[in-house]
Amino acid sequence: MQIPHFPEANHPLVKSLFHHSDQELLSLFQDHPDAGRYFTVIFCRYSPIVYTLIQHSARSPVQAEYLFALTWRHIYYQLGGLDLNNPPAGQEGLTLQNWLINLTACCINEIELPPTEAIHYSLQATSPPLWCYVEQALDQLPPILRLMLLMAQTFHWSETRIAAYLQAEGEKITPSEVANFLQSGYRMLEEQLPTDIRAIYLGEDMAQS
């Protein structure tokens, strides 16, 4: 399996941060939770190592890509509490690279992957950093709107099928109303994404800061 290339590595916002050390990037990530570029740079820097470790453990390329994404999601949620200056006992001299390798090994050993046919994730369609921030943005939406977006995007259900499902659950809603809700949901979802993530992944203009 070939290590995938991620186009975001060539984005000016990302390239402008390549000179920072791991510790600087970690501090910037922790100090600026509303920005997504710092996690994206860490991802671009270490995705080859993480993918190399994972590709040998998965039974199929689809499972490897899904485990790769799940591992980076786990890394994303753990990074906020990482303190390399005060590592756990017995881990003196801990580096970000060693920490990432250890966390990847834990994910390989502990995450139970579904069968290939049950996986709806595509690495080509959604890079792990974008997935992390989209998932975070989804959590900010009203539950029913989030459910509609997931049914439309993950399972590719039509407005008619979504309406029928919701009607069976007691919601009085028509397919045309579902279509309106989806448009509103996509707009709200995009607004919840960090501005630099929208610039890197969605091509929006953004003054570099």
C-alpha atoms as a PDB file:
ATOM      1  CA  MET A   1       0.000   0.000   0.000  1.00  0.00           C
ATOM      2  CA  GLN A   2       1.308   3.398  -0.991  1.00  0.00           C
ATOM      3  CA  ILE A   3       1.424   6.189   1.577  1.00  0.00           C
ATOM      4  CA  PRO A   4      -1.262   8.702   0.520  1.00  0.00           C
ATOM      5  CA  HIS A   5      -0.442  12.263  -0.446  1.00  0.00           C
ATOM      6  CA  PHE A   6      -2.435  15.038   1.201  1.00  0.00           C
ATOM      7  CA  PRO A   7      -2.861  18.213  -0.903  1.00  0.00           C
ATOM      8  CA  GLU A   8      -3.346  20.397   2.184  1.00  0.00           C
ATOM      9  CA  ALA A   9       0.412  20.103   2.776  1.00  0.00           C
ATOM     10  CA  ASN A  10       0.861  22.524  -0.148  1.00  0.00           C
ATOM     11  CA  HIS A  11      -1.585  25.146   1.145  1.00  0.00           C
ATOM     12  CA  PRO A  12       0.145  28.460   2.038  1.00  0.00           C
ATOM     13  CA  LEU A  13      -1.391  28.494   5.535  1.00  0.00           C
ATOM     14  CA  VAL A  14       0.115  25.079   6.209  1.00  0.00           C
ATOM     15  CA  LYS A  15       3.469  25.608   4.489  1.00  0.00           C
ATOM     16  CA  SER A  16       3.998  28.847   6.422  1.00  0.00           C
ATOM     17  CA  LEU A  17       4.143  26.835   9.673  1.00  0.00           C
ATOM     18  CA  PHE A  18       6.518  24.059   8.592  1.00  0.00           C
ATOM     19  CA  HIS A  19       9.495  25.776  10.265  1.00  0.00           C
ATOM     20  CA  HIS A  20       7.941  25.477  13.737  1.00  0.00           C
ATOM     21  CA  SER A  21       9.180  22.791  16.109  1.00  0.00           C
ATOM     22  CA  ASP A  22       6.856  20.088  17.401  1.00  0.00           C
ATOM     23  CA  GLN A  23       6.687  21.801  20.790  1.00  0.00           C
ATOM     24  CA  GLU A  24       5.808  25.143  19.186  1.00  0.00           C
ATOM     25  CA  LEU A  25       3.057  23.555  17.089  1.00  0.00           C
ATOM     26  CA  LEU A  26       1.680  21.760  20.136  1.00  0.00           C
ATOM     27  CA  SER A  27       1.613  25.004  22.127  1.00  0.00           C
ATOM     28  CA  LEU A  28      -0.042  26.882  19.244  1.00  0.00           C
ATOM     29  CA  PHE A  29      -2.659  24.134  18.916  1.00  0.00           C
ATOM     30  CA  GLN A  30      -3.432  24.246  22.639  1.00  0.00           C
ATOM     31  CA  ASP A  31      -3.417  28.064  22.821  1.00  0.00           C
ATOM     32  CA  HIS A  32      -5.630  28.605  19.761  1.00  0.00           C
ATOM     33  CA  PRO A  33      -8.503  26.077  19.908  1.00  0.00           C
ATOM     34  CA  ASP A  34     -10.485  28.059  17.325  1.00  0.00           C
ATOM     35  CA  ALA A  35      -7.766  27.571  14.688  1.00  0.00           C
ATOM     36  CA  GLY A  36      -7.321  24.362  12.723  1.00  0.00           C
ATOM     37  CA  ARG A  37      -4.063  24.971  10.903  1.00  0.00           C
ATOM     38  CA  TYR A  38      -1.771  23.833  13.736  1.00  0.00           C
ATOM     39  CA  PHE A  39      -3.324  20.377  13.982  1.00  0.00           C
ATOM     40  CA  THR A  40      -3.258  20.165  10.188  1.00  0.00           C
ATOM     41  CA  VAL A  41       0.495  20.839  10.160  1.00  0.00           C
ATOM     42  CA  ILE A  42       1.104  18.176  12.817  1.00  0.00           C
ATOM     43  CA  PHE A  43      -0.985  15.805  10.703  1.00  0.00           C
ATOM     44  CA  CYS A  44       0.983  16.579   7.531  1.00  0.00           C
ATOM     45  CA  ARG A  45       4.276  16.144   9.378  1.00  0.00           C
ATOM     46  CA  TYR A  46       3.473  12.778  10.945  1.00  0.00           C
ATOM     47  CA  SER A  47       0.854  11.165   8.708  1.00  0.00           C
ATOM     48  CA  PRO A  48       3.516   9.079   6.841  1.00  0.00           C
ATOM     49  CA  ILE A  49       4.731   7.498  10.088  1.00  0.00           C
ATOM     50  CA  VAL A  50       1.221   6.830  11.390  1.00  0.00           C
ATOM     51  CA  TYR A  51       0.047   5.411   8.060  1.00  0.00           C
ATOM     52  CA  THR A  52       3.107   3.177   7.748  1.00  0.00           C
ATOM     53  CA  LEU A  53       2.421   1.685  11.183  1.00  0.00           C
ATOM     54  CA  ILE A  54      -1.258   1.157  10.405  1.00  0.00           C
ATOM     55  CA  GLN A  55      -1.037  -0.258   6.899  1.00  0.00           C
ATOM     56  CA  HIS A  56       0.701  -3.403   8.142  1.00  0.00           C
ATOM     57  CA  SER A  57      -2.047  -4.201  10.654  1.00  0.00           C
ATOM     58  CA  ALA A  58      -5.242  -3.802   8.599  1.00  0.00           C
ATOM     59  CA  ARG A  59      -6.659  -6.561   6.436  1.00  0.00           C
ATOM     60  CA  SER A  60      -7.738  -4.258   3.604  1.00  0.00           C
ATOM     61  CA  PRO A  61      -6.911  -0.770   2.257  1.00  0.00           C
ATOM     62  CA  VAL A  62     -10.403   0.420   3.244  1.00  0.00           C
ATOM     63  CA  GLN A  63      -9.895  -0.717   6.830  1.00  0.00           C
ATOM     64  CA  ALA A  64      -6.405   0.824   6.875  1.00  0.00           C
ATOM     65  CA  GLU A  65      -7.766   4.205   5.786  1.00  0.00           C
ATOM     66  CA  TYR A  66     -10.582   4.057   8.333  1.00  0.00           C
ATOM     67  CA  LEU A  67      -8.219   3.096  11.160  1.00  0.00           C
ATOM     68  CA  PHE A  68      -5.875   5.876  10.041  1.00  0.00           C
ATOM     69  CA  ALA A  69      -8.718   8.398  10.323  1.00  0.00           C
ATOM     70  CA  LEU A  70      -9.912   7.020  13.674  1.00  0.00           C
ATOM     71  CA  THR A  71      -6.355   7.183  15.010  1.00  0.00           C
ATOM     72  CA  TRP A  72      -5.993  10.831  14.008  1.00  0.00           C
ATOM     73  CA  ARG A  73      -9.355  11.599  15.573  1.00  0.00           C
ATOM     74  CA  HIS A  74      -8.096  10.031  18.807  1.00  0.00           C
ATOM     75  CA  ILE A  75      -4.846  12.015  18.497  1.00  0.00           C
ATOM     76  CA  TYR A  76      -6.853  15.211  17.994  1.00  0.00           C
ATOM     77  CA  TYR A  77      -8.809  14.749  21.215  1.00  0.00           C
ATOM     78  CA  GLN A  78      -5.726  13.748  23.215  1.00  0.00           C
ATOM     79  CA  LEU A  79      -3.397  16.511  22.021  1.00  0.00           C
ATOM     80  CA  GLY A  80      -5.121  19.178  24.079  1.00  0.00           C
ATOM     81  CA  GLY A  81      -3.944  17.604  27.333  1.00  0.00           C
ATOM     82  CA  LEU A  82      -0.443  16.600  26.231  1.00  0.00           C
ATOM     83  CA  ASP A  83       2.418  18.189  28.196  1.00  0.00           C
ATOM     84  CA  LEU A  84       5.801  17.126  26.867  1.00  0.00           C
ATOM     85  CA  ASN A  85       7.548  19.135  29.590  1.00  0.00           C
ATOM     86  CA  ASN A  86       5.895  17.064  32.326  1.00  0.00           C
ATOM     87  CA  PRO A  87       5.580  13.538  30.905  1.00  0.00           C
ATOM     88  CA  PRO A  88       4.237  10.598  32.932  1.00  0.00           C
ATOM     89  CA  ALA A  89       6.673   8.767  35.185  1.00  0.00           C
ATOM     90  CA  GLY A  90       8.966   6.513  33.223  1.00  0.00           C
ATOM     91  CA  GLN A  91       8.517   8.527  30.012  1.00  0.00           C
ATOM     92  CA  GLU A  92      11.161  11.180  30.594  1.00  0.00           C
ATOM     93  CA  GLY A  93      12.409  12.675  27.348  1.00  0.00           C
ATOM     94  CA  LEU A  94       9.051  12.031  25.664  1.00  0.00           C
ATOM     95  CA  THR A  95       8.802  13.597  22.201  1.00  0.00           C
ATOM     96  CA  LEU A  96       5.725  14.284  20.114  1.00  0.00           C
ATOM     97  CA  GLN A  97       6.869  11.637  17.627  1.00  0.00           C
ATOM     98  CA  ASN A  98       7.236   8.967  20.319  1.00  0.00           C
ATOM     99  CA  TRP A  99       3.887   9.934  21.804  1.00  0.00           C
ATOM    100  CA  LEU A 100       2.209   9.651  18.399  1.00  0.00           C
ATOM    101  CA  ILE A 101       3.807   6.262  17.762  1.00  0.00           C
ATOM    102  CA  ASN A 102       2.653   4.993  21.173  1.00  0.00           C
ATOM    103  CA  LEU A 103      -0.883   6.304  20.649  1.00  0.00           C
ATOM    104  CA  THR A 104      -1.032   4.772  17.168  1.00  0.00           C
ATOM    105  CA  ALA A 105       0.034   1.405  18.593  1.00  0.00           C
ATOM    106  CA  CYS A 106      -2.729   1.639  21.203  1.00  0.00           C
ATOM    107  CA  CYS A 107      -5.314   2.388  18.499  1.00  0.00           C
ATOM    108  CA  ILE A 108      -4.097  -0.538  16.380  1.00  0.00           C
ATOM    109  CA  ASN A 109      -4.446  -2.894  19.329  1.00  0.00           C
ATOM    110  CA  GLU A 110      -7.684  -1.579  20.830  1.00  0.00           C
ATOM    111  CA  ILE A 111      -9.943  -0.375  17.998  1.00  0.00           C
ATOM    112  CA  GLU A 112     -12.202  -3.074  16.589  1.00  0.00           C
ATOM    113  CA  LEU A 113     -12.771  -2.353  12.924  1.00  0.00           C
ATOM    114  CA  PRO A 114     -16.080  -3.146  11.218  1.00  0.00           C
ATOM    115  CA  PRO A 115     -16.135  -5.263   8.045  1.00  0.00           C
ATOM    116  CA  THR A 116     -14.976  -3.470   4.918  1.00  0.00           C
ATOM    117  CA  GLU A 117     -18.498  -3.312   3.467  1.00  0.00           C
ATOM    118  CA  ALA A 118     -19.756  -1.497   6.582  1.00  0.00           C
ATOM    119  CA  ILE A 119     -17.197   1.321   6.332  1.00  0.00           C
ATOM    120  CA  HIS A 120     -18.489   4.532   4.751  1.00  0.00           C
ATOM    121  CA  TYR A 121     -15.323   6.594   5.202  1.00  0.00           C
ATOM    122  CA  SER A 122     -13.204   7.645   2.218  1.00  0.00           C
ATOM    123  CA  LEU A 123      -9.732   9.126   2.743  1.00  0.00           C
ATOM    124  CA  GLN A 124      -9.853  10.715  -0.715  1.00  0.00           C
ATOM    125  CA  ALA A 125     -13.139  12.452   0.078  1.00  0.00           C
ATOM    126  CA  THR A 126     -12.333  13.639   3.615  1.00  0.00           C
ATOM    127  CA  SER A 127      -8.868  14.116   5.058  1.00  0.00           C
ATOM    128  CA  PRO A 128      -8.647  13.289   8.806  1.00  0.00           C
ATOM    129  CA  PRO A 129      -8.163  16.906  10.004  1.00  0.00           C
ATOM    130  CA  LEU A 130     -11.246  18.020   8.067  1.00  0.00           C
ATOM    131  CA  TRP A 131     -13.149  15.015   9.457  1.00  0.00           C
ATOM    132  CA  CYS A 132     -12.195  15.999  13.026  1.00  0.00           C
ATOM    133  CA  TYR A 133     -13.377  19.582  12.610  1.00  0.00           C
ATOM    134  CA  VAL A 134     -16.541  18.607  10.718  1.00  0.00           C
ATOM    135  CA  GLU A 135     -17.395  16.148  13.493  1.00  0.00           C
ATOM    136  CA  GLN A 136     -16.795  18.880  16.067  1.00  0.00           C
ATOM    137  CA  ALA A 137     -19.008  21.253  14.067  1.00  0.00           C
ATOM    138  CA  LEU A 138     -21.749  18.601  13.787  1.00  0.00           C
ATOM    139  CA  ASP A 139     -21.871  18.414  17.570  1.00  0.00           C
ATOM    140  CA  GLN A 140     -22.948  22.075  17.601  1.00  0.00           C
ATOM    141  CA  LEU A 141     -26.018  21.463  15.427  1.00  0.00           C
ATOM    142  CA  PRO A 142     -29.526  20.639  16.696  1.00  0.00           C
ATOM    143  CA  PRO A 143     -29.888  16.824  16.978  1.00  0.00           C
ATOM    144  CA  ILE A 144     -32.544  16.404  14.269  1.00  0.00           C
ATOM    145  CA  LEU A 145     -30.534  18.519  11.823  1.00  0.00           C
ATOM    146  CA  ARG A 146     -27.413  16.494  12.589  1.00  0.00           C
ATOM    147  CA  LEU A 147     -29.362  13.281  11.991  1.00  0.00           C
ATOM    148  CA  MET A 148     -30.602  14.521   8.599  1.00  0.00           C
ATOM    149  CA  LEU A 149     -27.109  15.486   7.480  1.00  0.00           C
ATOM    150  CA  LEU A 150     -25.709  12.112   8.511  1.00  0.00           C
ATOM    151  CA  MET A 151     -28.456  10.221   6.686  1.00  0.00           C
ATOM    152  CA  ALA A 152     -27.912  12.320   3.555  1.00  0.00           C
ATOM    153  CA  GLN A 153     -24.112  12.281   3.535  1.00  0.00           C
ATOM    154  CA  THR A 154     -23.152   8.988   5.167  1.00  0.00           C
ATOM    155  CA  PHE A 155     -25.946   6.772   3.868  1.00  0.00           C
ATOM    156  CA  HIS A 156     -26.853   8.825   0.767  1.00  0.00           C
ATOM    157  CA  TRP A 157     -30.553   8.746   1.587  1.00  0.00           C
ATOM    158  CA  SER A 158     -32.935  10.838  -0.527  1.00  0.00           C
ATOM    159  CA  GLU A 159     -35.091  13.582   0.967  1.00  0.00           C
ATOM    160  CA  THR A 160     -38.100  11.272   0.512  1.00  0.00           C
ATOM    161  CA  ARG A 161     -36.489   8.425   2.438  1.00  0.00           C
ATOM    162  CA  ILE A 162     -35.297  10.761   5.216  1.00  0.00           C
ATOM    163  CA  ALA A 163     -38.807  12.229   5.520  1.00  0.00           C
ATOM    164  CA  ALA A 164     -40.335   8.736   5.647  1.00  0.00           C
ATOM    165  CA  TYR A 165     -37.938   7.688   8.402  1.00  0.00           C
ATOM    166  CA  LEU A 166     -38.627  10.812  10.452  1.00  0.00           C
ATOM    167  CA  GLN A 167     -42.390  10.444   9.926  1.00  0.00           C
ATOM    168  CA  ALA A 168     -42.139   6.895  11.289  1.00  0.00           C
ATOM    169  CA  GLU A 169     -40.401   8.412  14.328  1.00  0.00           C
ATOM    170  CA  GLY A 170     -43.299  10.827  14.852  1.00  0.00           C
ATOM    171  CA  GLU A 171     -41.941  13.912  13.066  1.00  0.00           C
ATOM    172  CA  LYS A 172     -44.379  15.702  10.756  1.00  0.00           C
ATOM    173  CA  ILE A 173     -42.069  16.618   7.901  1.00  0.00           C
ATOM    174  CA  THR A 174     -42.252  16.542   4.093  1.00  0.00           C
ATOM    175  CA  PRO A 175     -39.451  15.781   1.600  1.00  0.00           C
ATOM    176  CA  SER A 176     -39.373  19.435   0.515  1.00  0.00           C
ATOM    177  CA  GLU A 177     -38.968  20.503   4.140  1.00  0.00           C
ATOM    178  CA  VAL A 178     -36.142  17.989   4.501  1.00  0.00           C
ATOM    179  CA  ALA A 179     -34.432  19.589   1.480  1.00  0.00           C
ATOM    180  CA  ASN A 180     -34.734  23.030   3.107  1.00  0.00           C
ATOM    181  CA  PHE A 181     -33.434  21.702   6.426  1.00  0.00           C
ATOM    182  CA  LEU A 182     -30.456  20.099   4.684  1.00  0.00           C
ATOM    183  CA  GLN A 183     -29.494  23.339   2.939  1.00  0.00           C
ATOM    184  CA  SER A 184     -29.759  25.178   6.250  1.00  0.00           C
ATOM    185  CA  GLY A 185     -27.750  22.430   7.957  1.00  0.00           C
ATOM    186  CA  TYR A 186     -24.920  22.545   5.433  1.00  0.00           C
ATOM    187  CA  ARG A 187     -24.721  26.313   5.828  1.00  0.00           C
ATOM    188  CA  MET A 188     -24.676  26.097   9.637  1.00  0.00           C
ATOM    189  CA  LEU A 189     -22.108  23.310   9.520  1.00  0.00           C
ATOM    190  CA  GLU A 190     -19.779  25.365   7.343  1.00  0.00           C
ATOM    191  CA  GLU A 191     -20.162  28.385   9.627  1.00  0.00           C
ATOM    192  CA  GLN A 192     -19.100  26.260  12.615  1.00  0.00           C
ATOM    193  CA  LEU A 193     -15.806  25.256  10.960  1.00  0.00           C
ATOM    194  CA  PRO A 194     -12.681  27.272  11.831  1.00  0.00           C
ATOM    195  CA  THR A 195     -12.012  29.931   9.188  1.00  0.00           C
ATOM    196  CA  ASP A 196      -8.574  28.513   8.396  1.00  0.00           C
ATOM    197  CA  ILE A 197     -10.021  25.011   7.928  1.00  0.00           C
ATOM    198  CA  ARG A 198     -12.508  26.483   5.443  1.00  0.00           C
ATOM    199  CA  ALA A 199      -9.606  28.169   3.670  1.00  0.00           C
ATOM    200  CA  ILE A 200      -7.422  25.036   3.569  1.00  0.00           C
ATOM    201  CA  TYR A 201     -10.077  22.505   2.609  1.00  0.00           C
ATOM    202  CA  LEU A 202     -12.932  24.458   1.051  1.00  0.00           C
ATOM    203  CA  GLY A 203     -10.890  27.031  -0.843  1.00  0.00           C
ATOM    204  CA  GLU A 204     -12.250  30.111   0.910  1.00  0.00           C
ATOM    205  CA  ASP A 205     -10.137  33.260   0.845  1.00  0.00           C
ATOM    206  CA  MET A 206      -8.601  34.179   4.157  1.00  0.00           C
ATOM    207  CA  ALA A 207      -6.085  36.813   5.121  1.00  0.00           C
ATOM    208  CA  GLN A 208      -3.138  35.018   6.664  1.00  0.00           C
ATOM    209  CA  SER A 209      -2.632  35.873  10.293  1.00  0.00           C
END
